Amino acid sequence: MIEQEYREEYPDDNDPNTNMAFQQGYNGMKSDSIDYMLESHEQYPLTLSLFYDSADLDDDIARYLSQRLLDIYILKKEKILKKGDLSKLVSNKASTLAFESALPLILENVSLIMLINFFC
């Protein structure tokens, strides 16, 4: 069901990570207030899945947040990505922990930017 909805919403998306996730049985979460954003990177084979409560976070903010998270992750891991060995993305625990600890600051920054854009 979720794959069909995704294909209807993004008919031109041919991302290998998304296709693999659906082939492996990815079907998302069923809830009245949980939504998701899938954001794929154009240059590197990465897809970010952002799950959020639509009652607490606006869809536009969630979309912008998912884009910023993917951009920042790419900047942080670009050296590894350029080499093409994606298995090393998870082997660097310190780098991963540093990225995870920055997530609240990224959300705060995105919220602030969206507020500024809304009022200006």
N, C-alpha and C. Protein backbone atom coordinates (compact mmCIF):
# COMPACT_ATOMS: atom_id res chain seq x y z
N MET A 1 0.82 -1.20 0.00
CA MET A 1 0.00 0.00 0.00
C MET A 1 0.87 1.26 0.00
N ILE A 2 1.87 1.31 0.89
CA ILE A 2 2.71 2.50 0.97
C ILE A 2 3.54 2.68 -0.31
N GLU A 3 3.95 1.56 -0.91
CA GLU A 3 4.71 1.67 -2.16
C GLU A 3 3.85 2.26 -3.26
N GLN A 4 2.60 1.85 -3.33
CA GLN A 4 1.70 2.37 -4.36
C GLN A 4 1.49 3.88 -4.16
N GLU A 5 1.27 4.30 -2.91
CA GLU A 5 1.11 5.71 -2.62
C GLU A 5 2.37 6.49 -2.99
N TYR A 6 3.51 5.92 -2.64
CA TYR A 6 4.78 6.59 -2.95
C TYR A 6 4.96 6.73 -4.46
N ARG A 7 4.68 5.68 -5.21
CA ARG A 7 4.83 5.71 -6.67
C ARG A 7 3.88 6.71 -7.31
N GLU A 8 2.68 6.87 -6.74
CA GLU A 8 1.74 7.86 -7.26
C GLU A 8 2.23 9.28 -6.99
N GLU A 9 2.82 9.49 -5.80
CA GLU A 9 3.29 10.82 -5.44
C GLU A 9 4.61 11.19 -6.12
N TYR A 10 5.49 10.19 -6.33
CA TYR A 10 6.79 10.43 -6.94
C TYR A 10 7.00 9.48 -8.12
N PRO A 11 6.28 9.70 -9.23
CA PRO A 11 6.36 8.74 -10.34
C PRO A 11 7.73 8.70 -11.03
N ASP A 12 8.51 9.76 -10.95
CA ASP A 12 9.80 9.81 -11.64
C ASP A 12 10.97 9.37 -10.77
N ASP A 13 10.69 9.05 -9.50
CA ASP A 13 11.78 8.67 -8.60
C ASP A 13 12.23 7.24 -8.90
N ASN A 14 13.49 7.11 -9.27
CA ASN A 14 14.05 5.80 -9.57
C ASN A 14 15.27 5.55 -8.69
N ASP A 15 15.19 6.02 -7.43
CA ASP A 15 16.29 5.90 -6.49
C ASP A 15 16.53 4.43 -6.13
N PRO A 16 17.76 3.94 -6.26
CA PRO A 16 18.04 2.54 -5.96
C PRO A 16 17.79 2.16 -4.50
N ASN A 17 18.01 3.09 -3.57
CA ASN A 17 17.78 2.79 -2.15
C ASN A 17 16.29 2.63 -1.86
N THR A 18 15.48 3.49 -2.44
CA THR A 18 14.04 3.38 -2.25
C THR A 18 13.52 2.08 -2.86
N ASN A 19 13.98 1.78 -4.07
CA ASN A 19 13.55 0.53 -4.73
C ASN A 19 13.95 -0.68 -3.90
N MET A 20 15.18 -0.68 -3.37
CA MET A 20 15.65 -1.79 -2.55
C MET A 20 14.81 -1.92 -1.27
N ALA A 21 14.50 -0.80 -0.66
CA ALA A 21 13.69 -0.82 0.56
C ALA A 21 12.32 -1.46 0.29
N PHE A 22 11.70 -1.09 -0.81
CA PHE A 22 10.40 -1.67 -1.14
C PHE A 22 10.54 -3.15 -1.49
N GLN A 23 11.62 -3.52 -2.17
CA GLN A 23 11.83 -4.93 -2.51
C GLN A 23 12.04 -5.78 -1.26
N GLN A 24 12.63 -5.18 -0.23
CA GLN A 24 12.89 -5.91 1.01
C GLN A 24 11.70 -5.87 1.98
N GLY A 25 10.60 -5.31 1.52
CA GLY A 25 9.40 -5.34 2.33
C GLY A 25 9.11 -4.10 3.14
N TYR A 26 9.81 -3.00 2.89
CA TYR A 26 9.53 -1.76 3.61
C TYR A 26 8.09 -1.34 3.35
N ASN A 27 7.35 -1.15 4.41
CA ASN A 27 5.98 -0.70 4.21
C ASN A 27 5.58 0.42 5.17
N GLY A 28 6.54 0.96 5.87
CA GLY A 28 6.28 2.13 6.70
C GLY A 28 5.53 1.81 7.97
N MET A 29 4.99 2.84 8.58
CA MET A 29 4.29 2.71 9.84
C MET A 29 2.84 3.14 9.65
N LYS A 30 1.94 2.48 10.29
CA LYS A 30 0.53 2.81 10.20
C LYS A 30 0.12 3.52 11.47
N SER A 31 -0.30 4.78 11.32
CA SER A 31 -0.73 5.56 12.46
C SER A 31 -1.53 6.75 11.94
N ASP A 32 -2.38 7.27 12.80
CA ASP A 32 -3.17 8.43 12.40
C ASP A 32 -2.35 9.71 12.37
N SER A 33 -1.28 9.77 13.15
CA SER A 33 -0.54 11.03 13.23
C SER A 33 0.92 10.92 12.83
N ILE A 34 1.35 9.78 12.29
CA ILE A 34 2.74 9.64 11.87
C ILE A 34 2.82 9.73 10.36
N ASP A 35 3.64 10.61 9.90
CA ASP A 35 3.89 10.76 8.47
C ASP A 35 5.37 10.53 8.23
N TYR A 36 5.75 10.50 6.98
CA TYR A 36 7.15 10.30 6.64
C TYR A 36 7.52 11.12 5.42
N MET A 37 8.79 11.44 5.33
CA MET A 37 9.37 12.09 4.16
C MET A 37 10.52 11.22 3.70
N LEU A 38 10.60 10.96 2.42
CA LEU A 38 11.75 10.28 1.83
C LEU A 38 12.48 11.30 0.98
N GLU A 39 13.72 11.51 1.28
CA GLU A 39 14.54 12.48 0.54
C GLU A 39 15.77 11.76 0.01
N SER A 40 15.95 11.80 -1.30
CA SER A 40 17.09 11.15 -1.94
C SER A 40 18.10 12.19 -2.39
N HIS A 41 19.37 11.80 -2.36
CA HIS A 41 20.43 12.69 -2.81
C HIS A 41 20.70 12.44 -4.29
N GLU A 42 20.96 13.49 -5.02
CA GLU A 42 21.16 13.37 -6.47
C GLU A 42 22.51 12.77 -6.84
N GLN A 43 23.54 13.07 -6.07
CA GLN A 43 24.89 12.63 -6.43
C GLN A 43 25.27 11.30 -5.80
N TYR A 44 24.89 11.09 -4.54
CA TYR A 44 25.28 9.89 -3.83
C TYR A 44 24.06 8.98 -3.60
N PRO A 45 24.28 7.68 -3.51
CA PRO A 45 23.14 6.75 -3.35
C PRO A 45 22.65 6.68 -1.91
N LEU A 46 22.10 7.79 -1.43
CA LEU A 46 21.58 7.85 -0.07
C LEU A 46 20.14 8.35 -0.08
N THR A 47 19.35 7.76 0.77
CA THR A 47 17.97 8.19 0.96
C THR A 47 17.71 8.33 2.44
N LEU A 48 17.13 9.45 2.83
CA LEU A 48 16.80 9.70 4.23
C LEU A 48 15.30 9.50 4.42
N SER A 49 14.93 8.75 5.45
CA SER A 49 13.52 8.60 5.83
C SER A 49 13.32 9.35 7.13
N LEU A 50 12.47 10.34 7.10
CA LEU A 50 12.16 11.14 8.29
C LEU A 50 10.74 10.82 8.72
N PHE A 51 10.60 10.26 9.91
CA PHE A 51 9.29 9.98 10.48
C PHE A 51 8.99 11.06 11.50
N TYR A 52 7.79 11.59 11.45
CA TYR A 52 7.43 12.69 12.34
C TYR A 52 5.94 12.65 12.62
N ASP A 53 5.55 13.34 13.65
CA ASP A 53 4.14 13.44 14.02
C ASP A 53 3.57 14.67 13.33
N SER A 54 2.65 14.45 12.41
CA SER A 54 2.10 15.56 11.64
C SER A 54 1.27 16.52 12.50
N ALA A 55 0.90 16.09 13.69
CA ALA A 55 0.20 16.98 14.59
C ALA A 55 1.16 17.99 15.22
N ASP A 56 2.46 17.65 15.25
CA ASP A 56 3.45 18.51 15.89
C ASP A 56 4.34 19.26 14.91
N LEU A 57 4.49 18.75 13.70
CA LEU A 57 5.44 19.33 12.75
C LEU A 57 4.76 19.51 11.39
N ASP A 58 4.82 20.71 10.89
CA ASP A 58 4.23 21.04 9.60
C ASP A 58 4.95 20.29 8.47
N ASP A 59 4.23 19.92 7.43
CA ASP A 59 4.82 19.18 6.31
C ASP A 59 5.95 19.96 5.62
N ASP A 60 5.78 21.26 5.47
CA ASP A 60 6.83 22.06 4.84
C ASP A 60 8.10 22.08 5.68
N ILE A 61 7.93 22.18 6.98
CA ILE A 61 9.09 22.15 7.88
C ILE A 61 9.75 20.78 7.84
N ALA A 62 8.94 19.72 7.80
CA ALA A 62 9.48 18.36 7.74
C ALA A 62 10.26 18.15 6.44
N ARG A 63 9.74 18.64 5.33
CA ARG A 63 10.44 18.50 4.05
C ARG A 63 11.77 19.26 4.09
N TYR A 64 11.74 20.50 4.56
CA TYR A 64 12.96 21.30 4.65
C TYR A 64 13.96 20.66 5.61
N LEU A 65 13.45 20.14 6.73
CA LEU A 65 14.30 19.47 7.71
C LEU A 65 14.97 18.25 7.09
N SER A 66 14.22 17.45 6.37
CA SER A 66 14.81 16.25 5.76
C SER A 66 15.87 16.63 4.73
N GLN A 67 15.63 17.69 3.98
CA GLN A 67 16.64 18.15 3.01
C GLN A 67 17.90 18.63 3.70
N ARG A 68 17.75 19.41 4.77
CA ARG A 68 18.91 19.92 5.50
C ARG A 68 19.67 18.77 6.17
N LEU A 69 18.96 17.82 6.76
CA LEU A 69 19.63 16.68 7.40
C LEU A 69 20.47 15.91 6.39
N LEU A 70 19.92 15.68 5.23
CA LEU A 70 20.66 14.94 4.20
C LEU A 70 21.86 15.76 3.72
N ASP A 71 21.67 17.06 3.52
CA ASP A 71 22.79 17.91 3.10
C ASP A 71 23.92 17.91 4.12
N ILE A 72 23.57 18.04 5.38
CA ILE A 72 24.60 18.08 6.43
C ILE A 72 25.29 16.73 6.56
N TYR A 73 24.52 15.65 6.45
CA TYR A 73 25.11 14.31 6.52
C TYR A 73 26.09 14.11 5.37
N ILE A 74 25.73 14.55 4.18
CA ILE A 74 26.61 14.43 3.01
C ILE A 74 27.89 15.22 3.25
N LEU A 75 27.76 16.44 3.76
CA LEU A 75 28.97 17.24 4.03
C LEU A 75 29.86 16.54 5.05
N LYS A 76 29.25 15.96 6.07
CA LYS A 76 30.02 15.31 7.13
C LYS A 76 30.72 14.04 6.63
N LYS A 77 30.09 13.32 5.73
CA LYS A 77 30.60 12.02 5.27
C LYS A 77 31.11 12.05 3.83
N GLU A 78 31.31 13.23 3.28
CA GLU A 78 31.65 13.34 1.86
C GLU A 78 32.94 12.62 1.49
N LYS A 79 33.93 12.66 2.35
CA LYS A 79 35.20 11.99 2.06
C LYS A 79 34.98 10.48 1.87
N ILE A 80 34.18 9.89 2.72
CA ILE A 80 33.87 8.46 2.60
C ILE A 80 33.04 8.20 1.35
N LEU A 81 32.06 9.05 1.10
CA LEU A 81 31.18 8.86 -0.05
C LEU A 81 31.94 8.95 -1.37
N LYS A 82 32.91 9.84 -1.45
CA LYS A 82 33.69 9.99 -2.68
C LYS A 82 34.50 8.74 -2.99
N LYS A 83 34.92 8.03 -1.94
CA LYS A 83 35.66 6.79 -2.14
C LYS A 83 34.76 5.65 -2.58
N GLY A 84 33.46 5.77 -2.32
CA GLY A 84 32.50 4.78 -2.78
C GLY A 84 32.28 3.59 -1.88
N ASP A 85 32.97 3.50 -0.76
CA ASP A 85 32.80 2.36 0.15
C ASP A 85 31.78 2.74 1.23
N LEU A 86 30.52 2.48 0.96
CA LEU A 86 29.45 2.90 1.86
C LEU A 86 29.45 2.14 3.18
N SER A 87 30.13 1.01 3.25
CA SER A 87 30.18 0.26 4.51
C SER A 87 30.92 1.05 5.59
N LYS A 88 31.77 1.97 5.20
CA LYS A 88 32.52 2.76 6.18
C LYS A 88 31.67 3.89 6.79
N LEU A 89 30.47 4.10 6.28
CA LEU A 89 29.61 5.14 6.84
C LEU A 89 29.24 4.85 8.29
N VAL A 90 29.06 3.59 8.61
CA VAL A 90 28.66 3.24 9.98
C VAL A 90 29.82 2.80 10.85
N SER A 91 31.00 2.63 10.26
CA SER A 91 32.13 2.15 11.05
C SER A 91 32.78 3.25 11.88
N ASN A 92 32.53 4.49 11.56
CA ASN A 92 33.11 5.60 12.29
C ASN A 92 32.13 6.05 13.38
N LYS A 93 32.20 5.42 14.54
CA LYS A 93 31.25 5.67 15.62
C LYS A 93 31.30 7.11 16.14
N ALA A 94 32.48 7.67 16.27
CA ALA A 94 32.60 9.03 16.80
C ALA A 94 31.92 10.03 15.86
N SER A 95 32.11 9.86 14.58
CA SER A 95 31.49 10.74 13.60
C SER A 95 29.98 10.61 13.62
N THR A 96 29.50 9.39 13.73
CA THR A 96 28.05 9.15 13.78
C THR A 96 27.44 9.75 15.04
N LEU A 97 28.10 9.58 16.18
CA LEU A 97 27.60 10.16 17.42
C LEU A 97 27.60 11.68 17.38
N ALA A 98 28.60 12.26 16.75
CA ALA A 98 28.66 13.72 16.62
C ALA A 98 27.49 14.22 15.78
N PHE A 99 27.19 13.51 14.70
CA PHE A 99 26.07 13.91 13.85
C PHE A 99 24.75 13.79 14.61
N GLU A 100 24.57 12.69 15.34
CA GLU A 100 23.34 12.49 16.09
C GLU A 100 23.16 13.56 17.18
N SER A 101 24.25 13.95 17.80
CA SER A 101 24.14 14.97 18.85
C SER A 101 23.79 16.34 18.28
N ALA A 102 24.05 16.55 16.99
CA ALA A 102 23.74 17.83 16.36
C ALA A 102 22.29 17.92 15.88
N LEU A 103 21.55 16.83 15.89
CA LEU A 103 20.19 16.82 15.37
C LEU A 103 19.26 17.85 16.02
N PRO A 104 19.26 18.01 17.35
CA PRO A 104 18.39 19.05 17.94
C PRO A 104 18.74 20.45 17.45
N LEU A 105 20.03 20.72 17.26
CA LEU A 105 20.44 22.04 16.76
C LEU A 105 19.98 22.25 15.32
N ILE A 106 20.01 21.19 14.52
CA ILE A 106 19.56 21.29 13.14
C ILE A 106 18.06 21.59 13.11
N LEU A 107 17.28 20.91 13.95
CA LEU A 107 15.84 21.15 14.02
C LEU A 107 15.57 22.58 14.46
N GLU A 108 16.30 23.05 15.45
CA GLU A 108 16.12 24.42 15.92
C GLU A 108 16.43 25.42 14.81
N ASN A 109 17.50 25.19 14.08
CA ASN A 109 17.88 26.08 12.99
C ASN A 109 16.83 26.08 11.88
N VAL A 110 16.34 24.91 11.50
CA VAL A 110 15.32 24.81 10.46
C VAL A 110 14.04 25.52 10.90
N SER A 111 13.65 25.33 12.15
CA SER A 111 12.44 26.00 12.66
C SER A 111 12.60 27.50 12.63
N LEU A 112 13.76 27.98 13.00
CA LEU A 112 14.02 29.42 12.99
C LEU A 112 13.98 29.97 11.56
N ILE A 113 14.58 29.28 10.63
CA ILE A 113 14.56 29.73 9.23
C ILE A 113 13.14 29.76 8.68
N MET A 114 12.36 28.73 9.01
CA MET A 114 10.98 28.69 8.53
C MET A 114 10.16 29.83 9.14
N LEU A 115 10.38 30.15 10.42
CA LEU A 115 9.68 31.26 11.05
C LEU A 115 10.06 32.60 10.40
N ILE A 116 11.32 32.78 10.15
CA ILE A 116 11.78 34.01 9.51
C ILE A 116 11.16 34.14 8.13
N ASN A 117 11.15 33.06 7.37
CA ASN A 117 10.55 33.09 6.04
C ASN A 117 9.05 33.36 6.10
N PHE A 118 8.39 32.85 7.13
CA PHE A 118 6.95 33.04 7.28
C PHE A 118 6.59 34.49 7.57
N PHE A 119 7.39 35.15 8.41
CA PHE A 119 7.08 36.51 8.83
C PHE A 119 7.71 37.59 7.96
N CYS A 120 8.60 37.23 7.08
CA CYS A 120 9.25 38.26 6.24
C CYS A 120 8.69 38.26 4.84
